[in-house]
C-alpha atoms as a PDB file:
ATOM      1  CA  MET A   1     -17.922 -23.959   7.759  1.00  0.00           C
ATOM      2  CA  SER A   2     -21.306 -22.790   6.470  1.00  0.00           C
ATOM      3  CA  ASP A   3     -21.713 -19.741   4.239  1.00  0.00           C
ATOM      4  CA  LEU A   4     -23.747 -18.013   6.958  1.00  0.00           C
ATOM      5  CA  LEU A   5     -20.968 -18.440   9.512  1.00  0.00           C
ATOM      6  CA  ILE A   6     -18.364 -17.190   7.032  1.00  0.00           C
ATOM      7  CA  LEU A   7     -20.474 -14.093   6.335  1.00  0.00           C
ATOM      8  CA  LEU A   8     -20.834 -13.509  10.078  1.00  0.00           C
ATOM      9  CA  VAL A   9     -17.049 -13.727  10.539  1.00  0.00           C
ATOM     10  CA  ILE A  10     -16.535 -11.246   7.681  1.00  0.00           C
ATOM     11  CA  ALA A  11     -19.129  -8.864   9.154  1.00  0.00           C
ATOM     12  CA  VAL A  12     -17.590  -8.896  12.658  1.00  0.00           C
ATOM     13  CA  ALA A  13     -14.043  -8.563  11.305  1.00  0.00           C
ATOM     14  CA  SER A  14     -15.137  -5.683   9.058  1.00  0.00           C
ATOM     15  CA  TYR A  15     -16.603  -3.839  12.044  1.00  0.00           C
ATOM     16  CA  ILE A  16     -13.352  -4.245  14.020  1.00  0.00           C
ATOM     17  CA  LEU A  17     -11.409  -3.205  10.910  1.00  0.00           C
ATOM     18  CA  SER A  18     -13.467  -0.011  10.689  1.00  0.00           C
ATOM     19  CA  LYS A  19     -12.921   0.844  14.364  1.00  0.00           C
ATOM     20  CA  SER A  20      -9.185   0.135  14.022  1.00  0.00           C
ATOM     21  CA  ALA A  21      -9.012   2.555  11.094  1.00  0.00           C
ATOM     22  CA  ASP A  22     -10.815   5.201  13.177  1.00  0.00           C
ATOM     23  CA  LEU A  23      -8.158   4.793  15.860  1.00  0.00           C
ATOM     24  CA  VAL A  24      -5.277   5.034  13.385  1.00  0.00           C
ATOM     25  CA  VAL A  25      -6.606   8.120  11.562  1.00  0.00           C
ATOM     26  CA  ALA A  26      -7.377   9.938  14.828  1.00  0.00           C
ATOM     27  CA  SER A  27      -3.924   9.089  16.237  1.00  0.00           C
ATOM     28  CA  VAL A  28      -2.025  10.268  13.154  1.00  0.00           C
ATOM     29  CA  SER A  29      -4.057  13.493  13.037  1.00  0.00           C
ATOM     30  CA  SER A  30      -3.351  14.098  16.734  1.00  0.00           C
ATOM     31  CA  LEU A  31       0.386  13.503  16.263  1.00  0.00           C
ATOM     32  CA  ALA A  32       0.450  15.937  13.342  1.00  0.00           C
ATOM     33  CA  ARG A  33      -1.204  18.673  15.423  1.00  0.00           C
ATOM     34  CA  ARG A  34       0.999  18.143  18.478  1.00  0.00           C
ATOM     35  CA  PHE A  35       4.327  18.041  16.651  1.00  0.00           C
ATOM     36  CA  GLY A  36       3.646  20.599  13.936  1.00  0.00           C
ATOM     37  CA  VAL A  37       4.202  18.310  10.948  1.00  0.00           C
ATOM     38  CA  SER A  38       1.956  17.653   7.973  1.00  0.00           C
ATOM     39  CA  GLU A  39      -0.572  14.840   7.970  1.00  0.00           C
ATOM     40  CA  PHE A  40       0.799  13.839   4.561  1.00  0.00           C
ATOM     41  CA  ASN A  41       4.330  13.259   5.906  1.00  0.00           C
ATOM     42  CA  LEU A  42       3.110  11.250   8.881  1.00  0.00           C
ATOM     43  CA  GLY A  43       0.860   9.241   6.591  1.00  0.00           C
ATOM     44  CA  PHE A  44       3.719   8.615   4.165  1.00  0.00           C
ATOM     45  CA  PHE A  45       6.515   7.617   6.533  1.00  0.00           C
ATOM     46  CA  ILE A  46       4.697   6.108   9.517  1.00  0.00           C
ATOM     47  CA  LEU A  47       1.270   4.960   8.364  1.00  0.00           C
ATOM     48  CA  GLY A  48       2.546   3.883   4.940  1.00  0.00           C
ATOM     49  CA  LEU A  49       4.963   1.456   6.576  1.00  0.00           C
ATOM     50  CA  ALA A  50       2.478   0.365   9.227  1.00  0.00           C
ATOM     51  CA  THR A  51      -0.344  -0.488   6.806  1.00  0.00           C
ATOM     52  CA  SER A  52       2.099  -2.541   4.703  1.00  0.00           C
ATOM     53  CA  THR A  53       2.279  -5.193   7.432  1.00  0.00           C
ATOM     54  CA  PRO A  54      -0.153  -7.546   5.584  1.00  0.00           C
ATOM     55  CA  GLU A  55       2.193  -7.542   2.563  1.00  0.00           C
ATOM     56  CA  LEU A  56       5.141  -8.195   4.881  1.00  0.00           C
ATOM     57  CA  PHE A  57       3.348 -11.139   6.516  1.00  0.00           C
ATOM     58  CA  VAL A  58       2.427 -12.569   3.101  1.00  0.00           C
ATOM     59  CA  GLY A  59       6.068 -12.184   2.058  1.00  0.00           C
ATOM     60  CA  LEU A  60       7.482 -13.935   5.121  1.00  0.00           C
ATOM     61  CA  ASN A  61       4.929 -16.739   4.846  1.00  0.00           C
ATOM     62  CA  SER A  62       5.785 -17.186   1.162  1.00  0.00           C
ATOM     63  CA  VAL A  63       9.456 -17.584   2.103  1.00  0.00           C
ATOM     64  CA  ILE A  64       8.559 -20.212   4.713  1.00  0.00           C
ATOM     65  CA  ASP A  65       6.396 -22.033   2.144  1.00  0.00           C
ATOM     66  CA  ALA A  66       9.161 -21.744  -0.495  1.00  0.00           C
ATOM     67  CA  THR A  67       6.868 -19.766  -2.828  1.00  0.00           C
ATOM     68  CA  PRO A  68       8.460 -16.273  -2.885  1.00  0.00           C
ATOM     69  CA  GLU A  69       6.980 -15.606  -6.335  1.00  0.00           C
ATOM     70  CA  LEU A  70       3.571 -15.413  -4.623  1.00  0.00           C
ATOM     71  CA  SER A  71       4.807 -12.423  -2.622  1.00  0.00           C
ATOM     72  CA  LEU A  72       6.253 -10.869  -5.776  1.00  0.00           C
ATOM     73  CA  GLY A  73       2.884 -10.984  -7.527  1.00  0.00           C
ATOM     74  CA  ASN A  74       1.100  -9.722  -4.432  1.00  0.00           C
ATOM     75  CA  LEU A  75       3.426  -6.736  -3.956  1.00  0.00           C
ATOM     76  CA  ILE A  76       3.299  -5.649  -7.594  1.00  0.00           C
ATOM     77  CA  GLY A  77      -0.477  -6.083  -7.663  1.00  0.00           C
ATOM     78  CA  ALA A  78      -0.802  -4.125  -4.416  1.00  0.00           C
ATOM     79  CA  SER A  79       1.190  -1.191  -5.845  1.00  0.00           C
ATOM     80  CA  ILE A  80      -0.983  -1.149  -8.982  1.00  0.00           C
ATOM     81  CA  ILE A  81      -4.146  -1.096  -6.860  1.00  0.00           C
ATOM     82  CA  LEU A  82      -2.807   1.706  -4.647  1.00  0.00           C
ATOM     83  CA  LEU A  83      -1.762   3.927  -7.560  1.00  0.00           C
ATOM     84  CA  SER A  84      -4.907   3.430  -9.637  1.00  0.00           C
ATOM     85  CA  LEU A  85      -7.975   2.150  -7.787  1.00  0.00           C
ATOM     86  CA  ILE A  86      -7.417   3.471  -4.251  1.00  0.00           C
ATOM     87  CA  ILE A  87      -5.900   6.887  -5.053  1.00  0.00           C
ATOM     88  CA  GLY A  88      -8.475   7.258  -7.834  1.00  0.00           C
ATOM     89  CA  LEU A  89     -11.361   6.528  -5.462  1.00  0.00           C
ATOM     90  CA  THR A  90      -9.949   9.029  -2.963  1.00  0.00           C
ATOM     91  CA  ALA A  91     -10.055  11.781  -5.602  1.00  0.00           C
ATOM     92  CA  VAL A  92     -13.565  10.771  -6.713  1.00  0.00           C
ATOM     93  CA  LEU A  93     -14.954  10.781  -3.162  1.00  0.00           C
ATOM     94  CA  ASN A  94     -13.292  14.103  -2.260  1.00  0.00           C
ATOM     95  CA  LYS A  95     -13.940  15.922  -5.597  1.00  0.00           C
ATOM     96  CA  GLU A  96     -10.202  16.665  -5.653  1.00  0.00           C
ATOM     97  CA  VAL A  97      -7.077  15.891  -3.639  1.00  0.00           C
ATOM     98  CA  ARG A  98      -4.300  18.457  -3.218  1.00  0.00           C
ATOM     99  CA  PHE A  99      -0.783  17.462  -2.204  1.00  0.00           C
ATOM    100  CA  GLY A 100       0.092  20.673  -0.411  1.00  0.00           C
ATOM    101  CA  ASN A 101       3.624  22.058  -0.142  1.00  0.00           C
ATOM    102  CA  SER A 102       5.193  19.331   1.999  1.00  0.00           C
ATOM    103  CA  PHE A 103       5.878  17.040  -0.963  1.00  0.00           C
ATOM    104  CA  GLY A 104       7.324  18.538  -4.131  1.00  0.00           C
ATOM    105  CA  ARG A 105       7.413  17.373  -7.736  1.00  0.00           C
ATOM    106  CA  LYS A 106      10.930  15.963  -7.356  1.00  0.00           C
ATOM    107  CA  ASP A 107       9.836  14.019  -4.283  1.00  0.00           C
ATOM    108  CA  ILE A 108       6.936  12.463  -6.208  1.00  0.00           C
ATOM    109  CA  LEU A 109       9.251  11.518  -9.081  1.00  0.00           C
ATOM    110  CA  LEU A 110      11.767   9.951  -6.693  1.00  0.00           C
ATOM    111  CA  THR A 111       8.969   8.027  -4.982  1.00  0.00           C
ATOM    112  CA  SER A 112       7.903   6.742  -8.403  1.00  0.00           C
ATOM    113  CA  PHE A 113      11.441   5.517  -9.120  1.00  0.00           C
ATOM    114  CA  VAL A 114      11.493   3.684  -5.785  1.00  0.00           C
ATOM    115  CA  ILE A 115       8.160   2.007  -6.545  1.00  0.00           C
ATOM    116  CA  LEU A 116       9.308   1.033 -10.047  1.00  0.00           C
ATOM    117  CA  SER A 117      12.863  -0.048  -9.113  1.00  0.00           C
ATOM    118  CA  PRO A 118      12.007  -3.791  -8.782  1.00  0.00           C
ATOM    119  CA  ALA A 119      10.858  -3.766 -12.429  1.00  0.00           C
ATOM    120  CA  PHE A 120      14.349  -2.852 -13.655  1.00  0.00           C
ATOM    121  CA  LEU A 121      15.862  -5.750 -11.713  1.00  0.00           C
ATOM    122  CA  LEU A 122      13.296  -8.316 -12.867  1.00  0.00           C
ATOM    123  CA  PHE A 123      13.842  -8.119 -16.615  1.00  0.00           C
ATOM    124  CA  ASP A 124      16.413 -10.930 -16.444  1.00  0.00           C
ATOM    125  CA  GLY A 125      13.808 -13.157 -14.785  1.00  0.00           C
ATOM    126  CA  LEU A 126      15.697 -13.281 -11.486  1.00  0.00           C
ATOM    127  CA  LEU A 127      15.645 -11.323  -8.249  1.00  0.00           C
ATOM    128  CA  SER A 128      18.829 -12.333  -6.441  1.00  0.00           C
ATOM    129  CA  ARG A 129      19.943 -11.739  -2.863  1.00  0.00           C
ATOM    130  CA  PHE A 130      22.124  -8.896  -4.137  1.00  0.00           C
ATOM    131  CA  ASP A 131      19.065  -7.382  -5.853  1.00  0.00           C
ATOM    132  CA  GLY A 132      17.139  -7.715  -2.595  1.00  0.00           C
ATOM    133  CA  LEU A 133      19.896  -5.944  -0.662  1.00  0.00           C
ATOM    134  CA  PHE A 134      19.959  -3.199  -3.298  1.00  0.00           C
ATOM    135  CA  LEU A 135      16.198  -2.599  -2.927  1.00  0.00           C
ATOM    136  CA  ILE A 136      16.513  -2.302   0.861  1.00  0.00           C
ATOM    137  CA  VAL A 137      19.494   0.080   0.682  1.00  0.00           C
ATOM    138  CA  PHE A 138      17.801   2.126  -2.050  1.00  0.00           C
ATOM    139  CA  TYR A 139      14.734   2.635   0.150  1.00  0.00           C
ATOM    140  CA  VAL A 140      16.879   3.645   3.155  1.00  0.00           C
ATOM    141  CA  LEU A 141      18.731   6.215   1.011  1.00  0.00           C
ATOM    142  CA  PHE A 142      15.376   7.415  -0.332  1.00  0.00           C
ATOM    143  CA  TYR A 143      14.122   7.933   3.230  1.00  0.00           C
ATOM    144  CA  LEU A 144      17.281   9.833   4.220  1.00  0.00           C
ATOM    145  CA  PHE A 145      17.051  12.030   1.123  1.00  0.00           C
ATOM    146  CA  LEU A 146      13.447  13.006   1.830  1.00  0.00           C
ATOM    147  CA  ASN A 147      14.422  13.878   5.391  1.00  0.00           C
ATOM    148  CA  ARG A 148      17.203  16.233   4.370  1.00  0.00           C
ATOM    149  CA  GLN A 149      17.246  19.606   6.128  1.00  0.00           C
ATOM    150  CA  GLN A 150      14.795  19.889   9.047  1.00  0.00           C
ATOM    151  CA  SER A 151      12.852  16.640   8.900  1.00  0.00           C
ATOM    152  CA  PHE A 152       9.569  15.796  10.551  1.00  0.00           C
ATOM    153  CA  ALA A 153      11.378  13.060  12.498  1.00  0.00           C
ATOM    154  CA  GLU A 154      13.731  15.644  14.021  1.00  0.00           C
ATOM    155  CA  ARG A 155      10.809  17.866  14.993  1.00  0.00           C
ATOM    156  CA  ILE A 156       9.163  14.974  16.790  1.00  0.00           C
ATOM    157  CA  GLU A 157      12.418  14.122  18.565  1.00  0.00           C
ATOM    158  CA  GLN A 158      12.893  17.720  19.699  1.00  0.00           C
ATOM    159  CA  LYS A 159       9.426  17.859  21.257  1.00  0.00           C
ATOM    160  CA  LEU A 160       9.429  14.425  22.868  1.00  0.00           C
ATOM    161  CA  SER A 161      10.983  15.733  26.083  1.00  0.00           C
ATOM    162  CA  SER A 162       7.948  17.896  26.884  1.00  0.00           C
ATOM    163  CA  HIS A 163       5.282  15.670  25.332  1.00  0.00           C
ATOM    164  CA  LYS A 164       6.692  12.204  26.011  1.00  0.00           C
ATOM    165  CA  LEU A 165       3.736  10.857  27.988  1.00  0.00           C
ATOM    166  CA  ASN A 166       1.139  12.159  25.542  1.00  0.00           C
ATOM    167  CA  PHE A 167       3.204  10.881  22.633  1.00  0.00           C
ATOM    168  CA  LEU A 168       3.403   7.390  24.121  1.00  0.00           C
ATOM    169  CA  LYS A 169      -0.365   7.304  24.669  1.00  0.00           C
ATOM    170  CA  ILE A 170      -1.101   8.387  21.112  1.00  0.00           C
ATOM    171  CA  ALA A 171       1.541   6.038  19.683  1.00  0.00           C
ATOM    172  CA  ALA A 172       0.084   3.138  21.690  1.00  0.00           C
ATOM    173  CA  LYS A 173      -3.389   3.855  20.288  1.00  0.00           C
ATOM    174  CA  MET A 174      -2.013   4.023  16.750  1.00  0.00           C
ATOM    175  CA  LEU A 175      -0.122   0.747  17.251  1.00  0.00           C
ATOM    176  CA  LEU A 176      -3.287  -0.893  18.579  1.00  0.00           C
ATOM    177  CA  GLY A 177      -5.174   0.336  15.527  1.00  0.00           C
ATOM    178  CA  VAL A 178      -2.495  -0.942  13.125  1.00  0.00           C
ATOM    179  CA  VAL A 179      -2.475  -4.373  14.803  1.00  0.00           C
ATOM    180  CA  GLY A 180      -6.260  -4.426  14.505  1.00  0.00           C
ATOM    181  CA  LEU A 181      -5.996  -3.564  10.801  1.00  0.00           C
ATOM    182  CA  ALA A 182      -3.438  -6.318  10.173  1.00  0.00           C
ATOM    183  CA  ILE A 183      -5.279  -9.071  12.054  1.00  0.00           C
ATOM    184  CA  THR A 184      -8.811  -8.323  10.877  1.00  0.00           C
ATOM    185  CA  SER A 185      -7.744  -7.845   7.240  1.00  0.00           C
ATOM    186  CA  LYS A 186      -6.084 -11.281   7.357  1.00  0.00           C
ATOM    187  CA  VAL A 187      -9.247 -12.823   8.826  1.00  0.00           C
ATOM    188  CA  ILE A 188     -11.386 -11.223   6.108  1.00  0.00           C
ATOM    189  CA  VAL A 189      -9.052 -12.403   3.320  1.00  0.00           C
ATOM    190  CA  GLU A 190      -8.971 -15.989   4.603  1.00  0.00           C
ATOM    191  CA  ALA A 191     -12.754 -16.065   5.064  1.00  0.00           C
ATOM    192  CA  ALA A 192     -13.286 -14.666   1.569  1.00  0.00           C
ATOM    193  CA  GLU A 193     -10.873 -17.208   0.069  1.00  0.00           C
ATOM    194  CA  LEU A 194     -12.707 -20.007   1.879  1.00  0.00           C
ATOM    195  CA  MET A 195     -16.011 -18.777   0.479  1.00  0.00           C
ATOM    196  CA  ALA A 196     -14.464 -18.559  -3.005  1.00  0.00           C
ATOM    197  CA  VAL A 197     -13.352 -22.190  -2.791  1.00  0.00           C
ATOM    198  CA  THR A 198     -16.801 -23.209  -1.520  1.00  0.00           C
ATOM    199  CA  TRP A 199     -18.424 -21.456  -4.482  1.00  0.00           C
ATOM    200  CA  ASN A 200     -15.853 -22.931  -6.925  1.00  0.00           C
ATOM    201  CA  LEU A 201     -14.632 -19.550  -8.157  1.00  0.00           C
ATOM    202  CA  PRO A 202     -11.580 -19.589 -10.508  1.00  0.00           C
ATOM    203  CA  LEU A 203      -8.247 -19.437  -8.663  1.00  0.00           C
ATOM    204  CA  VAL A 204      -7.063 -16.571 -10.866  1.00  0.00           C
ATOM    205  CA  LEU A 205     -10.050 -14.521  -9.718  1.00  0.00           C
ATOM    206  CA  VAL A 206      -9.304 -15.431  -6.103  1.00  0.00           C
ATOM    207  CA  GLY A 207      -5.713 -14.261  -6.505  1.00  0.00           C
ATOM    208  CA  LEU A 208      -6.524 -11.061  -8.360  1.00  0.00           C
ATOM    209  CA  VAL A 209      -9.384  -9.954  -6.127  1.00  0.00           C
ATOM    210  CA  PHE A 210      -9.098 -11.501  -2.680  1.00  0.00           C
ATOM    211  CA  LEU A 211      -5.314 -11.555  -2.187  1.00  0.00           C
ATOM    212  CA  ALA A 212      -4.311  -8.323  -3.966  1.00  0.00           C
ATOM    213  CA  VAL A 213      -7.304  -6.305  -2.750  1.00  0.00           C
ATOM    214  CA  GLY A 214      -7.378  -8.112   0.602  1.00  0.00           C
ATOM    215  CA  THR A 215      -3.866  -7.101   1.610  1.00  0.00           C
ATOM    216  CA  ASN A 216      -4.851  -3.504   0.807  1.00  0.00           C
ATOM    217  CA  LEU A 217      -7.885  -3.567   3.090  1.00  0.00           C
ATOM    218  CA  PRO A 218      -6.065  -1.390   5.678  1.00  0.00           C
ATOM    219  CA  GLU A 219      -5.469   1.291   3.034  1.00  0.00           C
ATOM    220  CA  LEU A 220      -9.028   1.001   1.718  1.00  0.00           C
ATOM    221  CA  THR A 221     -10.426   1.418   5.217  1.00  0.00           C
ATOM    222  CA  VAL A 222      -8.112   4.355   5.961  1.00  0.00           C
ATOM    223  CA  MET A 223      -9.273   5.948   2.691  1.00  0.00           C
ATOM    224  CA  ILE A 224     -12.932   5.744   3.695  1.00  0.00           C
ATOM    225  CA  LYS A 225     -12.366   6.952   7.258  1.00  0.00           C
ATOM    226  CA  SER A 226     -10.026   9.768   6.186  1.00  0.00           C
ATOM    227  CA  THR A 227     -12.612  10.957   3.676  1.00  0.00           C
ATOM    228  CA  VAL A 228     -15.450  10.888   6.212  1.00  0.00           C
ATOM    229  CA  ASN A 229     -13.328  12.677   8.841  1.00  0.00           C
ATOM    230  CA  HIS A 230     -11.851  15.189   6.338  1.00  0.00           C
ATOM    231  CA  HIS A 231      -8.224  14.005   6.698  1.00  0.00           C
ATOM    232  CA  LYS A 232      -7.546  13.112   3.062  1.00  0.00           C
ATOM    233  CA  GLN A 233      -3.868  14.165   3.348  1.00  0.00           C
ATOM    234  CA  ILE A 234      -3.368  11.252   5.751  1.00  0.00           C
ATOM    235  CA  ALA A 235      -4.861   8.863   3.211  1.00  0.00           C
ATOM    236  CA  LEU A 236      -2.808  10.168   0.284  1.00  0.00           C
ATOM    237  CA  GLY A 237       0.439   9.987   2.258  1.00  0.00           C
ATOM    238  CA  ASP A 238      -0.453   6.481   3.410  1.00  0.00           C
ATOM    239  CA  PHE A 239      -1.077   5.220  -0.134  1.00  0.00           C
ATOM    240  CA  LEU A 240       2.163   6.557  -1.625  1.00  0.00           C
ATOM    241  CA  GLY A 241       4.151   5.521   1.448  1.00  0.00           C
ATOM    242  CA  SER A 242       2.670   2.026   1.336  1.00  0.00           C
ATOM    243  CA  ALA A 243       3.448   1.617  -2.381  1.00  0.00           C
ATOM    244  CA  ALA A 244       7.036   2.741  -1.743  1.00  0.00           C
ATOM    245  CA  ALA A 245       7.303   0.402   1.271  1.00  0.00           C
ATOM    246  CA  ASN A 246       6.531  -2.569  -0.989  1.00  0.00           C
ATOM    247  CA  THR A 247      10.025  -2.158  -2.464  1.00  0.00           C
ATOM    248  CA  PRO A 248      12.030  -2.955   0.724  1.00  0.00           C
ATOM    249  CA  ILE A 249       9.516  -5.704   1.595  1.00  0.00           C
ATOM    250  CA  LEU A 250      10.267  -7.342  -1.760  1.00  0.00           C
ATOM    251  CA  GLY A 251      13.954  -6.805  -0.995  1.00  0.00           C
ATOM    252  CA  ILE A 252      13.587  -8.687   2.297  1.00  0.00           C
ATOM    253  CA  VAL A 253      11.825 -11.572   0.535  1.00  0.00           C
ATOM    254  CA  ALA A 254      14.539 -11.793  -2.153  1.00  0.00           C
ATOM    255  CA  LEU A 255      17.277 -11.564   0.478  1.00  0.00           C
ATOM    256  CA  LEU A 256      15.782 -14.540   2.336  1.00  0.00           C
ATOM    257  CA  SER A 257      14.775 -16.508  -0.763  1.00  0.00           C
ATOM    258  CA  PRO A 258      15.911 -15.440  -4.274  1.00  0.00           C
ATOM    259  CA  ILE A 259      13.077 -15.349  -6.801  1.00  0.00           C
ATOM    260  CA  THR A 260      13.340 -17.085 -10.180  1.00  0.00           C
ATOM    261  CA  LEU A 261      10.498 -16.536 -12.635  1.00  0.00           C
ATOM    262  CA  ASN A 262       9.422 -19.685 -14.467  1.00  0.00           C
ATOM    263  CA  ALA A 263       7.029 -17.753 -16.714  1.00  0.00           C
ATOM    264  CA  PRO A 264       8.483 -14.198 -16.815  1.00  0.00           C
ATOM    265  CA  VAL A 265       6.105 -13.008 -19.557  1.00  0.00           C
ATOM    266  CA  LYS A 266       3.196 -13.070 -17.095  1.00  0.00           C
ATOM    267  CA  ILE A 267       4.971 -10.848 -14.576  1.00  0.00           C
ATOM    268  CA  TYR A 268       6.141  -8.531 -17.376  1.00  0.00           C
ATOM    269  CA  VAL A 269       2.493  -7.752 -18.115  1.00  0.00           C
ATOM    270  CA  SER A 270       1.989  -6.654 -14.500  1.00  0.00           C
ATOM    271  CA  LEU A 271       5.197  -4.604 -14.574  1.00  0.00           C
ATOM    272  CA  VAL A 272       3.981  -2.765 -17.682  1.00  0.00           C
ATOM    273  CA  MET A 273       0.701  -2.084 -15.877  1.00  0.00           C
ATOM    274  CA  LEU A 274       2.624  -0.704 -12.895  1.00  0.00           C
ATOM    275  CA  PHE A 275       4.635   1.558 -15.212  1.00  0.00           C
ATOM    276  CA  ILE A 276       1.472   2.866 -16.921  1.00  0.00           C
ATOM    277  CA  SER A 277      -0.129   3.534 -13.516  1.00  0.00           C
ATOM    278  CA  LEU A 278       2.886   5.554 -12.378  1.00  0.00           C
ATOM    279  CA  VAL A 279       3.121   7.534 -15.625  1.00  0.00           C
ATOM    280  CA  THR A 280      -0.612   8.344 -15.538  1.00  0.00           C
ATOM    281  CA  PHE A 281      -0.527   9.328 -11.864  1.00  0.00           C
ATOM    282  CA  ASN A 282       2.517  11.573 -12.398  1.00  0.00           C
ATOM    283  CA  ALA A 283       0.979  13.188 -15.482  1.00  0.00           C
ATOM    284  CA  PHE A 284      -2.121  14.126 -13.501  1.00  0.00           C
ATOM    285  CA  TYR A 285      -0.134  15.323 -10.474  1.00  0.00           C
ATOM    286  CA  GLN A 286       2.485  17.344 -12.361  1.00  0.00           C
ATOM    287  CA  SER A 287      -0.191  19.400 -14.137  1.00  0.00           C
ATOM    288  CA  GLN A 288      -1.710  21.160 -11.097  1.00  0.00           C
ATOM    289  CA  ARG A 289      -0.247  19.416  -8.012  1.00  0.00           C
ATOM    290  CA  LYS A 290      -3.656  17.876  -7.406  1.00  0.00           C
ATOM    291  CA  LEU A 291      -5.970  15.112  -8.588  1.00  0.00           C
ATOM    292  CA  THR A 292      -9.458  16.091  -9.746  1.00  0.00           C
ATOM    293  CA  ARG A 293     -12.555  13.893  -9.578  1.00  0.00           C
ATOM    294  CA  LEU A 294     -12.332  13.317 -13.348  1.00  0.00           C
ATOM    295  CA  GLU A 295      -8.682  12.261 -13.088  1.00  0.00           C
ATOM    296  CA  GLY A 296      -9.544  10.000 -10.170  1.00  0.00           C
ATOM    297  CA  GLY A 297     -12.259   8.399 -12.280  1.00  0.00           C
ATOM    298  CA  ALA A 298      -9.701   7.842 -15.041  1.00  0.00           C
ATOM    299  CA  LEU A 299      -7.386   6.049 -12.582  1.00  0.00           C
ATOM    300  CA  VAL A 300     -10.252   3.826 -11.397  1.00  0.00           C
ATOM    301  CA  GLY A 301     -11.108   3.062 -15.027  1.00  0.00           C
ATOM    302  CA  LEU A 302      -7.459   2.249 -15.655  1.00  0.00           C
ATOM    303  CA  TYR A 303      -7.543  -0.350 -12.879  1.00  0.00           C
ATOM    304  CA  GLY A 304     -10.699  -1.864 -14.386  1.00  0.00           C
ATOM    305  CA  PHE A 305      -8.891  -2.141 -17.723  1.00  0.00           C
ATOM    306  CA  PHE A 306      -5.896  -3.757 -16.026  1.00  0.00           C
ATOM    307  CA  LEU A 307      -8.118  -6.293 -14.284  1.00  0.00           C
ATOM    308  CA  ILE A 308      -9.825  -7.306 -17.532  1.00  0.00           C
ATOM    309  CA  ALA A 309      -6.504  -7.422 -19.405  1.00  0.00           C
ATOM    310  CA  GLU A 310      -4.907  -9.525 -16.660  1.00  0.00           C
ATOM    311  CA  ILE A 311      -7.695 -12.122 -16.749  1.00  0.00           C
ATOM    312  CA  PHE A 312      -7.656 -12.242 -20.563  1.00  0.00           C
ATOM    313  CA  LEU A 313      -3.872 -12.459 -20.907  1.00  0.00           C
ATOM    314  CA  ARG A 314      -3.501 -15.104 -18.208  1.00  0.00           C
ATOM    315  CA  ASN A 315      -5.941 -17.285 -20.125  1.00  0.00           C
ATOM    316  CA  GLN A 316      -3.957 -16.757 -23.332  1.00  0.00           C
ATOM    317  CA  LEU A 317      -0.412 -17.260 -21.944  1.00  0.00           C
END
């Protein structure tokens, strides 16, 4: 396949990706207005899970190919990108991002523990089926805890009787948008990887940039569209929800195919980076319940440092 044809495929897929993101953002915003729940909560619980489908597909394919460690690296890398680069860019583009009152400090801390939980289980170099089951159960309990009292899910259920038809139409549009995000992001990643091979780029660069960033294309596109359409709460909820959703996805992979690390030191470096990202994000959030443009820039810079450190350390180890 010629470079020109590859670029054409990427251009067409990117256009469809953009339109799919428009559909998703508009649908989530409409659901929030109709059912009286915050855009952040819908972004966290519904969109966060939905935009994690590329990571899920990568995980299932890695199990089929007997390379579950590929999914492990992808999921950890995806969480690092979400917590540093993507959330940081959102704050930079919007001058500041406020969390509102729907998600408290304890909720953010609990979310951070969920995101970091795989790290505690990986220090023995093994992620067993029991560990995988634990990660899935932990996420389910986390979801139930956040939905204590009068949850947004209950509000939606209570209003479905009078808005069922409208709800189904909006949900169908959102589903169509999510499917579009998943398919077109996969096409873009594969086309970019093909171009990287054609240009003889290093495999480590392909993995760090095309796979890790590529599976986060849905979130990146949602970030841009949410910013343009002034729905940044949707984007922020999506990013945190997606990072948290990586935990049960990793649990599913480990449950199907236990992961043994042949070179655990390399993954430890990424786990330390994930920990630093979470600590930095929480430090910024806990101060004023918002992220300023300067703090967002610091998170973006942190990701740049991680990328350079990852390339350097992989060459040394």
